[in-house]
Amino acid sequence: HSHCEIYKRVGDCIMPREGIFAKVLESGTIKVGDKIEVIY
């Protein structure tokens, strides 16, 4: 909707085209170094 500070600084932002969003189906605890499994 409006260019972020990163876009203003370097002329590009990857989140709008590279990022994804999700809803949470089950609770838990996650931390740096944990594995994420992909189920199609």
PDB file of all heavy atoms in Angstrom:
ATOM      1  N   HIS A   1       0.813  -1.211   0.000  1.00  0.00           N
ATOM      2  CA  HIS A   1       0.000   0.000   0.000  1.00  0.00           C
ATOM      3  C   HIS A   1       0.854   1.272   0.000  1.00  0.00           C
ATOM      4  O   HIS A   1       0.504   2.275  -0.604  1.00  0.00           O
ATOM      5  CB  HIS A   1      -0.929   0.003   1.220  1.00  0.00           C
ATOM      6  CG  HIS A   1      -1.910  -1.123   1.217  1.00  0.00           C
ATOM      7  ND1 HIS A   1      -2.995  -1.145   0.364  1.00  0.00           N
ATOM      8  CD2 HIS A   1      -1.961  -2.276   1.924  1.00  0.00           C
ATOM      9  CE1 HIS A   1      -3.695  -2.263   0.565  1.00  0.00           C
ATOM     10  NE2 HIS A   1      -3.088  -2.961   1.501  1.00  0.00           N
ATOM     11  N   SER A   2       1.963   1.236   0.722  1.00  0.00           N
ATOM     12  CA  SER A   2       2.875   2.389   0.750  1.00  0.00           C
ATOM     13  C   SER A   2       4.285   1.859   0.902  1.00  0.00           C
ATOM     14  O   SER A   2       4.522   0.906   1.654  1.00  0.00           O
ATOM     15  CB  SER A   2       2.535   3.331   1.905  1.00  0.00           C
ATOM     16  OG  SER A   2       2.608   2.663   3.145  1.00  0.00           O
ATOM     17  N   HIS A   3       5.222   2.436   0.198  1.00  0.00           N
ATOM     18  CA  HIS A   3       6.589   1.933   0.208  1.00  0.00           C
ATOM     19  C   HIS A   3       7.213   2.053   1.593  1.00  0.00           C
ATOM     20  O   HIS A   3       7.159   3.115   2.224  1.00  0.00           O
ATOM     21  CB  HIS A   3       7.433   2.681  -0.816  1.00  0.00           C
ATOM     22  CG  HIS A   3       7.070   2.361  -2.231  1.00  0.00           C
ATOM     23  ND1 HIS A   3       6.789   1.076  -2.656  1.00  0.00           N
ATOM     24  CD2 HIS A   3       6.950   3.162  -3.332  1.00  0.00           C
ATOM     25  CE1 HIS A   3       6.517   1.097  -3.950  1.00  0.00           C
ATOM     26  NE2 HIS A   3       6.596   2.340  -4.380  1.00  0.00           N
ATOM     27  N   CYS A   4       7.815   0.951   2.056  1.00  0.00           N
ATOM     28  CA  CYS A   4       8.441   0.922   3.372  1.00  0.00           C
ATOM     29  C   CYS A   4       9.811   1.609   3.320  1.00  0.00           C
ATOM     30  O   CYS A   4      10.299   2.028   2.268  1.00  0.00           O
ATOM     31  CB  CYS A   4       8.591  -0.524   3.837  1.00  0.00           C
ATOM     32  SG  CYS A   4       9.641  -1.521   2.760  1.00  0.00           S
ATOM     33  N   GLU A   5      10.450   1.683   4.487  1.00  0.00           N
ATOM     34  CA  GLU A   5      11.749   2.337   4.575  1.00  0.00           C
ATOM     35  C   GLU A   5      12.804   1.611   3.751  1.00  0.00           C
ATOM     36  O   GLU A   5      13.694   2.233   3.170  1.00  0.00           O
ATOM     37  CB  GLU A   5      12.196   2.423   6.038  1.00  0.00           C
ATOM     38  CG  GLU A   5      11.378   3.399   6.878  1.00  0.00           C
ATOM     39  CD  GLU A   5      11.407   4.806   6.300  1.00  0.00           C
ATOM     40  OE1 GLU A   5      12.501   5.277   5.899  1.00  0.00           O
ATOM     41  OE2 GLU A   5      10.328   5.433   6.232  1.00  0.00           O
ATOM     42  N   ILE A   6      12.708   0.281   3.697  1.00  0.00           N
ATOM     43  CA  ILE A   6      13.677  -0.481   2.904  1.00  0.00           C
ATOM     44  C   ILE A   6      13.544  -0.141   1.429  1.00  0.00           C
ATOM     45  O   ILE A   6      14.538   0.067   0.733  1.00  0.00           O
ATOM     46  CB  ILE A   6      13.482  -1.997   3.131  1.00  0.00           C
ATOM     47  CG1 ILE A   6      13.865  -2.367   4.564  1.00  0.00           C
ATOM     48  CG2 ILE A   6      14.303  -2.798   2.130  1.00  0.00           C
ATOM     49  CD1 ILE A   6      13.586  -3.797   4.920  1.00  0.00           C
ATOM     50  N   TYR A   7      12.312  -0.049   0.943  1.00  0.00           N
ATOM     51  CA  TYR A   7      12.101   0.310  -0.467  1.00  0.00           C
ATOM     52  C   TYR A   7      12.676   1.705  -0.747  1.00  0.00           C
ATOM     53  O   TYR A   7      13.327   1.928  -1.775  1.00  0.00           O
ATOM     54  CB  TYR A   7      10.620   0.280  -0.803  1.00  0.00           C
ATOM     55  CG  TYR A   7      10.334   0.498  -2.276  1.00  0.00           C
ATOM     56  CD1 TYR A   7      10.164  -0.576  -3.137  1.00  0.00           C
ATOM     57  CD2 TYR A   7      10.256   1.785  -2.808  1.00  0.00           C
ATOM     58  CE1 TYR A   7       9.926  -0.374  -4.490  1.00  0.00           C
ATOM     59  CE2 TYR A   7      10.022   1.995  -4.159  1.00  0.00           C
ATOM     60  CZ  TYR A   7       9.856   0.909  -4.995  1.00  0.00           C
ATOM     61  OH  TYR A   7       9.630   1.115  -6.334  1.00  0.00           O
ATOM     62  N   LYS A   8      12.433   2.626   0.173  1.00  0.00           N
ATOM     63  CA  LYS A   8      12.934   3.988  -0.017  1.00  0.00           C
ATOM     64  C   LYS A   8      14.457   4.020  -0.011  1.00  0.00           C
ATOM     65  O   LYS A   8      15.074   4.839  -0.687  1.00  0.00           O
ATOM     66  CB  LYS A   8      12.376   4.894   1.073  1.00  0.00           C
ATOM     67  CG  LYS A   8      10.867   5.072   0.997  1.00  0.00           C
ATOM     68  CD  LYS A   8      10.336   5.858   2.177  1.00  0.00           C
ATOM     69  CE  LYS A   8       8.812   5.975   2.127  1.00  0.00           C
ATOM     70  NZ  LYS A   8       8.255   6.660   3.323  1.00  0.00           N
ATOM     71  N   ARG A   9      15.055   3.079   0.754  1.00  0.00           N
ATOM     72  CA  ARG A   9      16.505   3.065   0.882  1.00  0.00           C
ATOM     73  C   ARG A   9      17.197   2.413  -0.304  1.00  0.00           C
ATOM     74  O   ARG A   9      18.215   2.912  -0.795  1.00  0.00           O
ATOM     75  CB  ARG A   9      16.883   2.335   2.177  1.00  0.00           C
ATOM     76  CG  ARG A   9      18.344   2.493   2.571  1.00  0.00           C
ATOM     77  CD  ARG A   9      18.578   1.987   3.981  1.00  0.00           C
ATOM     78  NE  ARG A   9      18.697   0.531   4.027  1.00  0.00           N
ATOM     79  CZ  ARG A   9      18.134  -0.228   4.953  1.00  0.00           C
ATOM     80  NH1 ARG A   9      17.384   0.314   5.894  1.00  0.00           N
ATOM     81  NH2 ARG A   9      18.304  -1.534   4.931  1.00  0.00           N
ATOM     82  N   VAL A  10      16.657   1.274  -0.785  1.00  0.00           N
ATOM     83  CA  VAL A  10      17.344   0.525  -1.841  1.00  0.00           C
ATOM     84  C   VAL A  10      16.525   0.384  -3.117  1.00  0.00           C
ATOM     85  O   VAL A  10      16.986  -0.205  -4.086  1.00  0.00           O
ATOM     86  CB  VAL A  10      17.757  -0.873  -1.325  1.00  0.00           C
ATOM     87  CG1 VAL A  10      18.657  -0.749  -0.118  1.00  0.00           C
ATOM     88  CG2 VAL A  10      16.529  -1.717  -1.008  1.00  0.00           C
ATOM     89  N   GLY A  11      15.279   0.887  -3.112  1.00  0.00           N
ATOM     90  CA  GLY A  11      14.471   0.856  -4.322  1.00  0.00           C
ATOM     91  C   GLY A  11      13.758  -0.444  -4.577  1.00  0.00           C
ATOM     92  O   GLY A  11      13.276  -0.688  -5.687  1.00  0.00           O
ATOM     93  N   ASP A  12      13.690  -1.323  -3.561  1.00  0.00           N
ATOM     94  CA  ASP A  12      13.008  -2.603  -3.731  1.00  0.00           C
ATOM     95  C   ASP A  12      12.627  -3.147  -2.360  1.00  0.00           C
ATOM     96  O   ASP A  12      13.219  -2.786  -1.339  1.00  0.00           O
ATOM     97  CB  ASP A  12      13.922  -3.613  -4.440  1.00  0.00           C
ATOM     98  CG  ASP A  12      13.186  -4.859  -4.905  1.00  0.00           C
ATOM     99  OD1 ASP A  12      11.932  -4.819  -4.958  1.00  0.00           O
ATOM    100  OD2 ASP A  12      13.853  -5.867  -5.208  1.00  0.00           O
ATOM    101  N   CYS A  13      11.600  -4.011  -2.342  1.00  0.00           N
ATOM    102  CA  CYS A  13      11.191  -4.718  -1.126  1.00  0.00           C
ATOM    103  C   CYS A  13      10.675  -6.083  -1.559  1.00  0.00           C
ATOM    104  O   CYS A  13       9.859  -6.168  -2.480  1.00  0.00           O
ATOM    105  CB  CYS A  13      10.112  -3.950  -0.366  1.00  0.00           C
ATOM    106  SG  CYS A  13       9.523  -4.804   1.123  1.00  0.00           S
ATOM    107  N   ILE A  14      11.165  -7.132  -0.916  1.00  0.00           N
ATOM    108  CA  ILE A  14      10.831  -8.480  -1.388  1.00  0.00           C
ATOM    109  C   ILE A  14       9.603  -9.083  -0.722  1.00  0.00           C
ATOM    110  O   ILE A  14       9.035 -10.042  -1.234  1.00  0.00           O
ATOM    111  CB  ILE A  14      12.029  -9.438  -1.217  1.00  0.00           C
ATOM    112  CG1 ILE A  14      12.417  -9.554   0.262  1.00  0.00           C
ATOM    113  CG2 ILE A  14      13.197  -8.970  -2.073  1.00  0.00           C
ATOM    114  CD1 ILE A  14      13.541 -10.548   0.490  1.00  0.00           C
ATOM    115  N   MET A  15       9.172  -8.538   0.413  1.00  0.00           N
ATOM    116  CA  MET A  15       8.059  -9.153   1.133  1.00  0.00           C
ATOM    117  C   MET A  15       6.775  -9.242   0.300  1.00  0.00           C
ATOM    118  O   MET A  15       6.105 -10.274   0.302  1.00  0.00           O
ATOM    119  CB  MET A  15       7.791  -8.416   2.442  1.00  0.00           C
ATOM    120  CG  MET A  15       6.823  -9.133   3.372  1.00  0.00           C
ATOM    121  SD  MET A  15       7.502 -10.710   3.946  1.00  0.00           S
ATOM    122  CE  MET A  15       6.110 -11.379   4.856  1.00  0.00           C
ATOM    123  N   PRO A  16       6.382  -8.185  -0.437  1.00  0.00           N
ATOM    124  CA  PRO A  16       5.129  -8.279  -1.205  1.00  0.00           C
ATOM    125  C   PRO A  16       5.104  -9.412  -2.216  1.00  0.00           C
ATOM    126  O   PRO A  16       4.038  -9.966  -2.494  1.00  0.00           O
ATOM    127  CB  PRO A  16       5.055  -6.910  -1.902  1.00  0.00           C
ATOM    128  CG  PRO A  16       5.821  -5.995  -1.004  1.00  0.00           C
ATOM    129  CD  PRO A  16       6.960  -6.833  -0.493  1.00  0.00           C
ATOM    130  N   ARG A  17       6.248  -9.802  -2.761  1.00  0.00           N
ATOM    131  CA  ARG A  17       6.252 -10.868  -3.769  1.00  0.00           C
ATOM    132  C   ARG A  17       6.827 -12.184  -3.264  1.00  0.00           C
ATOM    133  O   ARG A  17       6.553 -13.243  -3.836  1.00  0.00           O
ATOM    134  CB  ARG A  17       7.024 -10.425  -5.016  1.00  0.00           C
ATOM    135  CG  ARG A  17       8.490 -10.138  -4.798  1.00  0.00           C
ATOM    136  CD  ARG A  17       9.183  -9.755  -6.101  1.00  0.00           C
ATOM    137  NE  ARG A  17      10.606  -9.510  -5.913  1.00  0.00           N
ATOM    138  CZ  ARG A  17      11.130  -8.338  -5.592  1.00  0.00           C
ATOM    139  NH1 ARG A  17      10.328  -7.290  -5.446  1.00  0.00           N
ATOM    140  NH2 ARG A  17      12.441  -8.199  -5.434  1.00  0.00           N
ATOM    141  N   GLU A  18       7.632 -12.166  -2.183  1.00  0.00           N
ATOM    142  CA  GLU A  18       8.285 -13.377  -1.697  1.00  0.00           C
ATOM    143  C   GLU A  18       7.675 -13.919  -0.410  1.00  0.00           C
ATOM    144  O   GLU A  18       7.810 -15.107  -0.103  1.00  0.00           O
ATOM    145  CB  GLU A  18       9.783 -13.119  -1.453  1.00  0.00           C
ATOM    146  CG  GLU A  18      10.561 -12.638  -2.669  1.00  0.00           C
ATOM    147  CD  GLU A  18      10.829 -13.747  -3.657  1.00  0.00           C
ATOM    148  OE1 GLU A  18      10.610 -14.921  -3.317  1.00  0.00           O
ATOM    149  OE2 GLU A  18      11.262 -13.437  -4.783  1.00  0.00           O
ATOM    150  N   GLY A  19       7.018 -13.071   0.373  1.00  0.00           N
ATOM    151  CA  GLY A  19       6.473 -13.502   1.645  1.00  0.00           C
ATOM    152  C   GLY A  19       5.152 -14.241   1.494  1.00  0.00           C
ATOM    153  O   GLY A  19       4.452 -14.111   0.487  1.00  0.00           O
ATOM    154  N   ILE A  20       4.829 -15.057   2.493  1.00  0.00           N
ATOM    155  CA  ILE A  20       3.539 -15.748   2.506  1.00  0.00           C
ATOM    156  C   ILE A  20       2.924 -15.602   3.896  1.00  0.00           C
ATOM    157  O   ILE A  20       3.593 -15.232   4.862  1.00  0.00           O
ATOM    158  CB  ILE A  20       3.670 -17.247   2.121  1.00  0.00           C
ATOM    159  CG1 ILE A  20       4.551 -18.009   3.127  1.00  0.00           C
ATOM    160  CG2 ILE A  20       4.262 -17.386   0.726  1.00  0.00           C
ATOM    161  CD1 ILE A  20       3.784 -18.807   4.129  1.00  0.00           C
ATOM    162  N   PHE A  21       1.619 -15.877   3.970  1.00  0.00           N
ATOM    163  CA  PHE A  21       0.894 -15.730   5.232  1.00  0.00           C
ATOM    164  C   PHE A  21       0.155 -17.020   5.537  1.00  0.00           C
ATOM    165  O   PHE A  21      -0.240 -17.761   4.637  1.00  0.00           O
ATOM    166  CB  PHE A  21      -0.082 -14.557   5.149  1.00  0.00           C
ATOM    167  CG  PHE A  21       0.606 -13.242   4.921  1.00  0.00           C
ATOM    168  CD1 PHE A  21       0.905 -12.809   3.637  1.00  0.00           C
ATOM    169  CD2 PHE A  21       0.968 -12.446   5.992  1.00  0.00           C
ATOM    170  CE1 PHE A  21       1.558 -11.603   3.415  1.00  0.00           C
ATOM    171  CE2 PHE A  21       1.625 -11.243   5.787  1.00  0.00           C
ATOM    172  CZ  PHE A  21       1.921 -10.827   4.500  1.00  0.00           C
ATOM    173  N   ALA A  22      -0.042 -17.259   6.831  1.00  0.00           N
ATOM    174  CA  ALA A  22      -0.676 -18.501   7.252  1.00  0.00           C
ATOM    175  C   ALA A  22      -1.527 -18.272   8.489  1.00  0.00           C
ATOM    176  O   ALA A  22      -1.350 -17.294   9.220  1.00  0.00           O
ATOM    177  CB  ALA A  22       0.392 -19.549   7.557  1.00  0.00           C
ATOM    178  N   LYS A  23      -2.451 -19.193   8.712  1.00  0.00           N
ATOM    179  CA  LYS A  23      -3.205 -19.220   9.958  1.00  0.00           C
ATOM    180  C   LYS A  23      -2.674 -20.376  10.799  1.00  0.00           C
ATOM    181  O   LYS A  23      -2.068 -21.323  10.270  1.00  0.00           O
ATOM    182  CB  LYS A  23      -4.700 -19.389   9.695  1.00  0.00           C
ATOM    183  CG  LYS A  23      -5.086 -20.681   9.007  1.00  0.00           C
ATOM    184  CD  LYS A  23      -6.590 -20.724   8.741  1.00  0.00           C
ATOM    185  CE  LYS A  23      -6.967 -22.018   8.029  1.00  0.00           C
ATOM    186  NZ  LYS A  23      -8.422 -22.067   7.724  1.00  0.00           N
ATOM    187  N   VAL A  24      -2.904 -20.297  12.099  1.00  0.00           N
ATOM    188  CA  VAL A  24      -2.394 -21.313  13.011  1.00  0.00           C
ATOM    189  C   VAL A  24      -3.461 -22.374  13.256  1.00  0.00           C
ATOM    190  O   VAL A  24      -4.554 -22.066  13.739  1.00  0.00           O
ATOM    191  CB  VAL A  24      -1.960 -20.687  14.348  1.00  0.00           C
ATOM    192  CG1 VAL A  24      -1.406 -21.772  15.275  1.00  0.00           C
ATOM    193  CG2 VAL A  24      -0.917 -19.601  14.124  1.00  0.00           C
ATOM    194  N   LEU A  25      -3.136 -23.626  12.931  1.00  0.00           N
ATOM    195  CA  LEU A  25      -4.062 -24.735  13.140  1.00  0.00           C
ATOM    196  C   LEU A  25      -3.874 -25.386  14.506  1.00  0.00           C
ATOM    197  O   LEU A  25      -4.847 -25.864  15.105  1.00  0.00           O
ATOM    198  CB  LEU A  25      -3.883 -25.788  12.050  1.00  0.00           C
ATOM    199  CG  LEU A  25      -4.101 -25.340  10.606  1.00  0.00           C
ATOM    200  CD1 LEU A  25      -3.902 -26.519   9.660  1.00  0.00           C
ATOM    201  CD2 LEU A  25      -5.486 -24.728  10.406  1.00  0.00           C
ATOM    202  N   GLU A  26      -2.622 -25.431  14.990  1.00  0.00           N
ATOM    203  CA  GLU A  26      -2.329 -26.056  16.276  1.00  0.00           C
ATOM    204  C   GLU A  26      -1.280 -25.233  17.013  1.00  0.00           C
ATOM    205  O   GLU A  26      -0.334 -24.721  16.404  1.00  0.00           O
ATOM    206  CB  GLU A  26      -1.818 -27.493  16.096  1.00  0.00           C
ATOM    207  CG  GLU A  26      -2.794 -28.442  15.420  1.00  0.00           C
ATOM    208  CD  GLU A  26      -4.027 -28.740  16.266  1.00  0.00           C
ATOM    209  OE1 GLU A  26      -3.969 -28.490  17.499  1.00  0.00           O
ATOM    210  OE2 GLU A  26      -5.031 -29.221  15.697  1.00  0.00           O
ATOM    211  N   SER A  27      -1.447 -25.118  18.320  1.00  0.00           N
ATOM    212  CA  SER A  27      -0.516 -24.356  19.150  1.00  0.00           C
ATOM    213  C   SER A  27       0.786 -25.118  19.382  1.00  0.00           C
ATOM    214  O   SER A  27       0.858 -26.340  19.187  1.00  0.00           O
ATOM    215  CB  SER A  27      -1.159 -24.032  20.500  1.00  0.00           C
ATOM    216  OG  SER A  27      -2.347 -23.287  20.352  1.00  0.00           O
ATOM    217  N   GLY A  28       1.812 -24.389  19.815  1.00  0.00           N
ATOM    218  CA  GLY A  28       3.093 -25.007  20.137  1.00  0.00           C
ATOM    219  C   GLY A  28       4.119 -23.937  20.449  1.00  0.00           C
ATOM    220  O   GLY A  28       3.793 -22.754  20.516  1.00  0.00           O
ATOM    221  N   THR A  29       5.346 -24.354  20.612  1.00  0.00           N
ATOM    222  CA  THR A  29       6.464 -23.437  20.841  1.00  0.00           C
ATOM    223  C   THR A  29       7.512 -23.674  19.765  1.00  0.00           C
ATOM    224  O   THR A  29       7.847 -24.821  19.461  1.00  0.00           O
ATOM    225  CB  THR A  29       7.083 -23.656  22.234  1.00  0.00           C
ATOM    226  OG1 THR A  29       6.086 -23.441  23.235  1.00  0.00           O
ATOM    227  CG2 THR A  29       8.235 -22.690  22.468  1.00  0.00           C
ATOM    228  N   ILE A  30       8.010 -22.594  19.171  1.00  0.00           N
ATOM    229  CA  ILE A  30       9.035 -22.711  18.139  1.00  0.00           C
ATOM    230  C   ILE A  30      10.196 -21.796  18.489  1.00  0.00           C
ATOM    231  O   ILE A  30      10.035 -20.792  19.177  1.00  0.00           O
ATOM    232  CB  ILE A  30       8.482 -22.363  16.743  1.00  0.00           C
ATOM    233  CG1 ILE A  30       8.017 -20.903  16.689  1.00  0.00           C
ATOM    234  CG2 ILE A  30       7.337 -23.296  16.356  1.00  0.00           C
ATOM    235  CD1 ILE A  30       7.584 -20.459  15.313  1.00  0.00           C
ATOM    236  N   LYS A  31      11.377 -22.158  17.975  1.00  0.00           N
ATOM    237  CA  LYS A  31      12.573 -21.358  18.282  1.00  0.00           C
ATOM    238  C   LYS A  31      13.562 -21.434  17.128  1.00  0.00           C
ATOM    239  O   LYS A  31      13.445 -22.298  16.226  1.00  0.00           O
ATOM    240  CB  LYS A  31      13.220 -21.831  19.574  1.00  0.00           C
ATOM    241  CG  LYS A  31      13.751 -23.248  19.559  1.00  0.00           C
ATOM    242  CD  LYS A  31      14.319 -23.638  20.907  1.00  0.00           C
ATOM    243  CE  LYS A  31      14.937 -25.031  20.889  1.00  0.00           C
ATOM    244  NZ  LYS A  31      13.946 -26.066  20.511  1.00  0.00           N
ATOM    245  N   VAL A  32      14.530 -20.563  17.158  1.00  0.00           N
ATOM    246  CA  VAL A  32      15.587 -20.554  16.154  1.00  0.00           C
ATOM    247  C   VAL A  32      16.297 -21.901  16.162  1.00  0.00           C
ATOM    248  O   VAL A  32      16.617 -22.461  17.216  1.00  0.00           O
ATOM    249  CB  VAL A  32      16.585 -19.417  16.450  1.00  0.00           C
ATOM    250  CG1 VAL A  32      17.809 -19.530  15.547  1.00  0.00           C
ATOM    251  CG2 VAL A  32      15.912 -18.065  16.278  1.00  0.00           C
ATOM    252  N   GLY A  33      16.516 -22.450  14.974  1.00  0.00           N
ATOM    253  CA  GLY A  33      17.170 -23.738  14.824  1.00  0.00           C
ATOM    254  C   GLY A  33      16.213 -24.900  14.645  1.00  0.00           C
ATOM    255  O   GLY A  33      16.637 -26.003  14.246  1.00  0.00           O
ATOM    256  N   ASP A  34      14.931 -24.693  14.936  1.00  0.00           N
ATOM    257  CA  ASP A  34      13.939 -25.758  14.763  1.00  0.00           C
ATOM    258  C   ASP A  34      13.697 -26.031  13.272  1.00  0.00           C
ATOM    259  O   ASP A  34      13.843 -25.139  12.426  1.00  0.00           O
ATOM    260  CB  ASP A  34      12.615 -25.383  15.419  1.00  0.00           C
ATOM    261  CG  ASP A  34      12.659 -25.500  16.933  1.00  0.00           C
ATOM    262  OD1 ASP A  34      13.584 -26.152  17.450  1.00  0.00           O
ATOM    263  OD2 ASP A  34      11.766 -24.941  17.590  1.00  0.00           O
ATOM    264  N   LYS A  35      13.294 -27.271  12.994  1.00  0.00           N
ATOM    265  CA  LYS A  35      12.967 -27.650  11.623  1.00  0.00           C
ATOM    266  C   LYS A  35      11.508 -27.348  11.306  1.00  0.00           C
ATOM    267  O   LYS A  35      10.634 -27.489  12.161  1.00  0.00           O
ATOM    268  CB  LYS A  35      13.231 -29.143  11.404  1.00  0.00           C
ATOM    269  CG  LYS A  35      14.698 -29.528  11.445  1.00  0.00           C
ATOM    270  CD  LYS A  35      14.863 -31.023  11.157  1.00  0.00           C
ATOM    271  CE  LYS A  35      16.334 -31.424  11.176  1.00  0.00           C
ATOM    272  NZ  LYS A  35      16.505 -32.879  10.904  1.00  0.00           N
ATOM    273  N   ILE A  36      11.242 -26.956  10.049  1.00  0.00           N
ATOM    274  CA  ILE A  36       9.883 -26.773   9.539  1.00  0.00           C
ATOM    275  C   ILE A  36       9.656 -27.802   8.443  1.00  0.00           C
ATOM    276  O   ILE A  36      10.430 -27.879   7.477  1.00  0.00           O
ATOM    277  CB  ILE A  36       9.659 -25.364   8.961  1.00  0.00           C
ATOM    278  CG1 ILE A  36       9.895 -24.291  10.022  1.00  0.00           C
ATOM    279  CG2 ILE A  36       8.248 -25.244   8.397  1.00  0.00           C
ATOM    280  CD1 ILE A  36       9.753 -22.884   9.488  1.00  0.00           C
ATOM    281  N   GLU A  37       8.622 -28.589   8.582  1.00  0.00           N
ATOM    282  CA  GLU A  37       8.274 -29.587   7.576  1.00  0.00           C
ATOM    283  C   GLU A  37       7.156 -29.056   6.689  1.00  0.00           C
ATOM    284  O   GLU A  37       6.206 -28.438   7.174  1.00  0.00           O
ATOM    285  CB  GLU A  37       7.823 -30.880   8.248  1.00  0.00           C
ATOM    286  CG  GLU A  37       7.471 -31.999   7.268  1.00  0.00           C
ATOM    287  CD  GLU A  37       6.948 -33.235   7.956  1.00  0.00           C
ATOM    288  OE1 GLU A  37       6.787 -33.221   9.201  1.00  0.00           O
ATOM    289  OE2 GLU A  37       6.685 -34.230   7.246  1.00  0.00           O
ATOM    290  N   VAL A  38       7.263 -29.317   5.393  1.00  0.00           N
ATOM    291  CA  VAL A  38       6.261 -28.872   4.418  1.00  0.00           C
ATOM    292  C   VAL A  38       5.387 -30.051   4.008  1.00  0.00           C
ATOM    293  O   VAL A  38       5.896 -31.096   3.586  1.00  0.00           O
ATOM    294  CB  VAL A  38       6.942 -28.272   3.171  1.00  0.00           C
ATOM    295  CG1 VAL A  38       5.900 -27.933   2.105  1.00  0.00           C
ATOM    296  CG2 VAL A  38       7.754 -27.047   3.542  1.00  0.00           C
ATOM    297  N   ILE A  39       4.067 -29.901   4.147  1.00  0.00           N
ATOM    298  CA  ILE A  39       3.104 -30.920   3.719  1.00  0.00           C
ATOM    299  C   ILE A  39       2.211 -30.300   2.640  1.00  0.00           C
ATOM    300  O   ILE A  39       1.437 -29.376   2.921  1.00  0.00           O
ATOM    301  CB  ILE A  39       2.228 -31.419   4.893  1.00  0.00           C
ATOM    302  CG1 ILE A  39       3.105 -31.889   6.057  1.00  0.00           C
ATOM    303  CG2 ILE A  39       1.290 -32.522   4.417  1.00  0.00           C
ATOM    304  CD1 ILE A  39       3.951 -33.085   5.757  1.00  0.00           C
ATOM    305  N   TYR A  40       2.326 -30.800   1.418  1.00  0.00           N
ATOM    306  CA  TYR A  40       1.558 -30.233   0.312  1.00  0.00           C
ATOM    307  C   TYR A  40       0.075 -30.589   0.434  1.00  0.00           C
ATOM    308  O   TYR A  40      -0.277 -31.607   1.036  1.00  0.00           O
ATOM    309  CB  TYR A  40       2.111 -30.712  -1.027  1.00  0.00           C
ATOM    310  CG  TYR A  40       3.421 -30.064  -1.396  1.00  0.00           C
ATOM    311  CD1 TYR A  40       4.639 -30.680  -1.092  1.00  0.00           C
ATOM    312  CD2 TYR A  40       3.442 -28.832  -2.031  1.00  0.00           C
ATOM    313  CE1 TYR A  40       5.848 -30.079  -1.415  1.00  0.00           C
ATOM    314  CE2 TYR A  40       4.645 -28.221  -2.364  1.00  0.00           C
ATOM    315  CZ  TYR A  40       5.844 -28.845  -2.051  1.00  0.00           C
ATOM    316  OH  TYR A  40       7.018 -28.239  -2.359  1.00  0.00           O
TER     317      TYR A  40
END
